[in-house]
Amino acid sequence: ASSSEIDALVRERLKTDGALYKLDLEELRNLEPDLIVTQALCDVCAVAESEVQAAACSLPNTPAILNLEPETLTEVFDALRQLGSVTGIPDHAEDVIGVLTRRVDAVVSRSQAVQKRHKVAFLEWIDPLFSCGHWTPELVEMAGGIERLGQVGQPSRILDWMEVIAWQPEVIFIACCGFDLPRTLEELSGSSGISCWPELPAVESGRVYVTDGSQFFSRPGPRLVDSLEILAHALHPEVHPLPPGLSQDLAQPSLLPSY
């Protein structure tokens, strides 16, 4: 299904049923969990918290439930701290957070040396266009860019093409939520004929970047730091080297029409 078809299916399902996923209650009973970690940040991305709560109440041992819904990078680190605490490994959690924080600080420090901060349009979906949201605008700023289509701590939203054209982004970064890199490139190949693409400076100059939106950017966990490093390299390769092992996760397609 195309991104537009997926969007329509999701909207219809949420309207009629209220959820996209169903828990396997039999398997959950077999696992006999002491702790269930869930989220209420996005019912499109995972099982709704209300369904998890109802399922937990039906289990004979009534496991503890930890709901995590971070909306900023700081809150993601706080969630890791919470998880470490309830699982009895707070020191290990602090060690992990310390390593991640040092990597973030290194990117922020290098970004202070950039001569020009580029205007960025970060897109989380192609058809319809969706802005970035939650922690991603914050990552753009840390990486040395300027993002005004999305808002820190707020959900992504549908964009009008005129908004994007008015912003005149110098860099476009695309990480479609739930799509890996090949799937996103396939989706883009079907949108290359959209007449608005050539009106954007980023497309004209070839500064369109695509990455794996399933592994990076969309999940509130440690890989957000990988995401930051990928983004920083795309925006300012002269000061941000791409960490080893991540080079295959960044593509630079052309969206100019071929005549």
Protein backbone atom coordinates (compact mmCIF):
# COMPACT_ATOMS: atom_id res chain seq x y z
CA ALA A 1 0.00 0.00 0.00
CA SER A 2 1.17 3.54 -0.71
CA SER A 3 1.64 6.10 2.05
CA SER A 4 -1.66 7.77 1.10
CA GLU A 5 -3.50 4.43 1.25
CA ILE A 6 -1.91 3.60 4.61
CA ASP A 7 -2.91 7.00 5.97
CA ALA A 8 -6.51 6.49 4.85
CA LEU A 9 -6.66 2.97 6.32
CA VAL A 10 -5.25 4.12 9.66
CA ARG A 11 -7.71 7.00 9.92
CA GLU A 12 -10.65 4.75 9.09
CA ARG A 13 -9.56 2.05 11.55
CA LEU A 14 -9.06 4.50 14.40
CA LYS A 15 -12.44 6.05 13.63
CA THR A 16 -14.34 2.75 13.71
CA ASP A 17 -12.39 0.51 16.08
CA GLY A 18 -10.17 2.81 18.11
CA ALA A 19 -7.06 0.64 17.81
CA LEU A 20 -4.72 -0.78 15.16
CA TYR A 21 -3.28 -3.63 17.21
CA LYS A 22 -4.62 -6.50 19.30
CA LEU A 23 -2.77 -8.14 22.14
CA ASP A 24 -2.28 -11.90 22.09
CA LEU A 25 -3.79 -12.55 25.52
CA GLU A 26 -3.01 -16.26 25.47
CA GLU A 27 0.66 -15.61 24.81
CA LEU A 28 0.70 -12.90 27.46
CA ARG A 29 -0.68 -15.36 30.02
CA ASN A 30 1.95 -17.91 29.03
CA LEU A 31 4.72 -15.37 29.57
CA GLU A 32 3.51 -14.57 33.11
CA PRO A 33 5.17 -11.12 33.13
CA ASP A 34 5.97 -9.29 36.36
CA LEU A 35 6.27 -6.01 34.46
CA ILE A 36 4.66 -4.70 31.29
CA VAL A 37 6.17 -1.61 29.67
CA THR A 38 3.70 0.32 27.53
CA GLN A 39 3.11 3.76 26.07
CA ALA A 40 0.32 6.24 25.51
CA LEU A 41 2.27 8.52 23.18
CA CYS A 42 0.88 7.19 19.90
CA ASP A 43 -1.92 4.70 19.25
CA VAL A 44 -0.80 4.44 15.61
CA CYS A 45 2.66 3.13 16.50
CA ALA A 46 1.87 0.57 19.22
CA VAL A 47 -0.88 -1.02 21.29
CA ALA A 48 -3.00 1.55 23.11
CA GLU A 49 -2.30 1.87 26.83
CA SER A 50 -5.96 1.29 27.69
CA GLU A 51 -5.85 -2.12 25.99
CA VAL A 52 -2.68 -3.03 27.89
CA GLN A 53 -4.30 -2.01 31.18
CA ALA A 54 -7.36 -4.14 30.44
CA ALA A 55 -5.21 -7.12 29.48
CA ALA A 56 -3.09 -6.83 32.62
CA CYS A 57 -6.20 -6.88 34.81
CA SER A 58 -7.22 -10.18 33.23
CA LEU A 59 -3.94 -11.90 34.17
CA PRO A 60 -3.85 -14.01 37.33
CA ASN A 61 -0.67 -12.40 38.71
CA THR A 62 -1.63 -8.75 37.89
CA PRO A 63 1.76 -7.46 36.70
CA ALA A 64 3.02 -3.95 37.31
CA ILE A 65 2.58 -1.57 34.37
CA LEU A 66 5.08 1.13 33.47
CA ASN A 67 3.72 3.67 31.01
CA LEU A 68 6.36 5.71 29.20
CA GLU A 69 5.46 8.62 26.93
CA PRO A 70 8.48 10.93 26.56
CA GLU A 71 8.08 13.89 24.22
CA THR A 72 11.59 15.40 24.32
CA LEU A 73 15.11 13.98 24.39
CA THR A 74 15.46 14.85 28.08
CA GLU A 75 12.25 12.97 28.79
CA VAL A 76 13.57 9.97 26.83
CA PHE A 77 16.58 9.86 29.14
CA ASP A 78 14.25 10.21 32.14
CA ALA A 79 12.26 7.23 30.81
CA LEU A 80 15.45 5.16 30.63
CA ARG A 81 16.12 6.16 34.22
CA GLN A 82 12.61 5.05 35.24
CA LEU A 83 13.04 1.74 33.48
CA GLY A 84 16.37 1.15 35.19
CA SER A 85 14.81 1.89 38.55
CA VAL A 86 11.82 -0.45 38.26
CA THR A 87 13.96 -3.29 36.88
CA GLY A 88 16.51 -2.98 39.66
CA ILE A 89 19.47 -1.78 37.58
CA PRO A 90 19.58 1.98 38.22
CA ASP A 91 23.38 2.16 38.04
CA HIS A 92 23.43 0.51 34.63
CA ALA A 93 20.75 2.92 33.43
CA GLU A 94 22.85 5.88 34.59
CA ASP A 95 25.89 4.47 32.77
CA VAL A 96 23.90 4.18 29.54
CA ILE A 97 22.46 7.68 29.94
CA GLY A 98 25.95 9.03 30.61
CA VAL A 99 27.33 7.57 27.38
CA LEU A 100 24.37 8.86 25.37
CA THR A 101 24.59 12.32 26.95
CA ARG A 102 28.28 12.63 26.09
CA ARG A 103 27.53 11.79 22.46
CA VAL A 104 24.76 14.40 22.37
CA ASP A 105 27.02 17.00 23.98
CA ALA A 106 29.71 16.28 21.38
CA VAL A 107 27.26 16.99 18.54
CA VAL A 108 25.99 20.18 20.19
CA SER A 109 29.56 21.37 20.74
CA ARG A 110 30.55 20.76 17.12
CA SER A 111 27.37 22.48 15.91
CA GLN A 112 28.52 25.69 17.58
CA ALA A 113 31.29 25.84 14.97
CA VAL A 114 29.02 25.80 11.92
CA GLN A 115 29.11 28.99 9.88
CA LYS A 116 25.46 28.86 8.78
CA ARG A 117 22.46 27.06 10.21
CA HIS A 118 20.36 25.71 7.36
CA LYS A 119 16.56 25.92 7.19
CA VAL A 120 15.32 22.34 7.42
CA ALA A 121 12.05 20.66 6.49
CA PHE A 122 11.94 17.35 8.33
CA LEU A 123 9.18 15.11 6.96
CA GLU A 124 7.76 12.07 8.78
CA TRP A 125 5.36 11.08 5.98
CA ILE A 126 5.08 11.73 2.24
CA ASP A 127 1.41 11.57 1.30
CA PRO A 128 -0.03 13.46 3.01
CA LEU A 129 2.98 15.46 4.10
CA PHE A 130 3.61 15.30 7.85
CA SER A 131 5.96 17.53 9.80
CA CYS A 132 8.26 16.17 12.46
CA GLY A 133 7.23 16.38 16.10
CA HIS A 134 8.08 15.58 19.72
CA TRP A 135 11.89 15.33 20.05
CA THR A 136 12.81 15.70 16.36
CA PRO A 137 12.72 19.53 16.08
CA GLU A 138 15.05 19.54 19.07
CA LEU A 139 17.42 17.14 17.29
CA VAL A 140 17.45 19.41 14.23
CA GLU A 141 18.51 22.39 16.36
CA MET A 142 21.21 20.31 18.09
CA ALA A 143 22.50 19.18 14.69
CA GLY A 144 22.96 22.76 13.51
CA GLY A 145 19.70 23.34 11.65
CA ILE A 146 16.55 25.42 11.98
CA GLU A 147 13.14 23.67 11.98
CA ARG A 148 9.94 25.68 12.17
CA LEU A 149 7.38 23.32 10.61
CA GLY A 150 7.39 21.03 13.65
CA GLN A 151 7.27 21.95 17.33
CA VAL A 152 9.28 20.46 20.19
CA GLY A 153 7.15 18.32 22.48
CA GLN A 154 4.13 18.37 20.16
CA PRO A 155 2.85 15.65 17.80
CA SER A 156 3.63 15.75 14.11
CA ARG A 157 0.95 17.35 11.95
CA ILE A 158 -0.28 17.40 8.37
CA LEU A 159 1.45 20.06 6.30
CA ASP A 160 0.07 22.07 3.44
CA TRP A 161 2.43 22.28 0.47
CA MET A 162 2.20 26.07 0.59
CA GLU A 163 3.61 26.00 4.13
CA VAL A 164 6.61 24.04 2.95
CA ILE A 165 7.14 26.28 -0.08
CA ALA A 166 6.85 29.40 2.08
CA TRP A 167 9.48 28.00 4.46
CA GLN A 168 11.90 27.55 1.51
CA PRO A 169 13.93 24.80 3.18
CA GLU A 170 17.60 24.55 2.27
CA VAL A 171 17.69 20.93 3.43
CA ILE A 172 14.93 18.31 3.37
CA PHE A 173 15.29 15.31 5.64
CA ILE A 174 12.84 12.43 5.30
CA ALA A 175 12.33 9.62 7.81
CA CYS A 176 8.90 8.07 7.24
CA CYS A 177 7.56 6.59 10.45
CA GLY A 178 7.68 2.79 10.24
CA PHE A 179 9.32 2.68 6.78
CA ASP A 180 12.85 1.38 6.26
CA LEU A 181 15.18 3.10 3.80
CA PRO A 182 14.32 1.05 0.67
CA ARG A 183 10.59 1.42 1.35
CA THR A 184 10.91 5.19 1.73
CA LEU A 185 12.96 5.50 -1.46
CA GLU A 186 10.30 3.47 -3.27
CA GLU A 187 7.63 5.84 -1.97
CA LEU A 188 9.64 8.87 -3.08
CA SER A 189 10.15 7.46 -6.56
CA GLY A 190 6.39 7.58 -6.97
CA SER A 191 6.21 11.18 -5.82
CA SER A 192 8.95 12.62 -8.04
CA GLY A 193 6.34 14.02 -10.40
CA ILE A 194 4.79 16.24 -7.74
CA SER A 195 5.09 19.71 -9.24
CA CYS A 196 5.92 21.37 -5.92
CA TRP A 197 9.23 19.57 -5.30
CA PRO A 198 11.29 21.73 -7.73
CA GLU A 199 10.06 24.90 -5.99
CA LEU A 200 12.08 24.00 -2.91
CA PRO A 201 15.71 25.18 -2.67
CA ALA A 202 16.75 21.89 -1.08
CA VAL A 203 15.52 19.93 -4.10
CA GLU A 204 17.15 22.32 -6.56
CA SER A 205 20.52 22.04 -4.80
CA GLY A 206 20.29 18.27 -4.26
CA ARG A 207 20.16 18.50 -0.48
CA VAL A 208 17.45 15.92 0.12
CA TYR A 209 18.34 13.17 2.58
CA VAL A 210 16.46 10.00 3.44
CA THR A 211 17.02 7.54 6.26
CA ASP A 212 15.39 4.53 7.90
CA GLY A 213 12.34 5.87 9.75
CA SER A 214 11.71 2.54 11.42
CA GLN A 215 15.07 2.33 13.19
CA PHE A 216 15.70 6.03 13.63
CA PHE A 217 13.82 9.15 14.80
CA SER A 218 10.41 7.54 15.44
CA ARG A 219 11.25 5.46 18.54
CA PRO A 220 11.90 7.18 21.89
CA GLY A 221 15.00 5.24 22.90
CA PRO A 222 18.82 5.18 22.68
CA ARG A 223 18.78 5.17 18.86
CA LEU A 224 17.64 8.78 18.93
CA VAL A 225 21.31 9.58 19.54
CA ASP A 226 22.23 7.62 16.40
CA SER A 227 19.49 9.62 14.68
CA LEU A 228 21.03 12.88 15.87
CA GLU A 229 24.46 11.88 14.55
CA ILE A 230 23.04 10.89 11.15
CA LEU A 231 21.12 14.16 10.91
CA ALA A 232 24.11 16.25 11.99
CA HIS A 233 26.30 14.65 9.33
CA ALA A 234 23.69 15.32 6.64
CA LEU A 235 23.39 18.99 7.63
CA HIS A 236 27.07 19.74 8.24
CA PRO A 237 29.40 16.97 7.04
CA GLU A 238 32.33 19.36 7.36
CA VAL A 239 32.10 19.28 11.17
CA HIS A 240 30.05 16.15 11.92
CA PRO A 241 31.65 12.86 10.83
CA LEU A 242 29.25 9.98 10.27
CA PRO A 243 29.83 7.32 12.94
CA PRO A 244 31.06 3.93 11.69
CA GLY A 245 28.27 1.56 10.76
CA LEU A 246 25.70 4.23 9.92
CA SER A 247 26.80 5.13 6.38
CA GLN A 248 24.39 2.64 4.78
CA ASP A 249 21.47 4.27 6.58
CA LEU A 250 21.58 7.58 4.69
CA ALA A 251 20.59 8.14 1.06
CA GLN A 252 20.49 11.25 -1.11
CA PRO A 253 17.91 10.86 -3.91
CA SER A 254 17.08 13.44 -6.55
CA LEU A 255 13.50 14.72 -6.60
CA LEU A 256 13.94 16.85 -9.70
CA PRO A 257 11.74 15.76 -12.62
CA SER A 258 13.52 13.96 -15.44
CA TYR A 259 12.71 15.23 -18.89
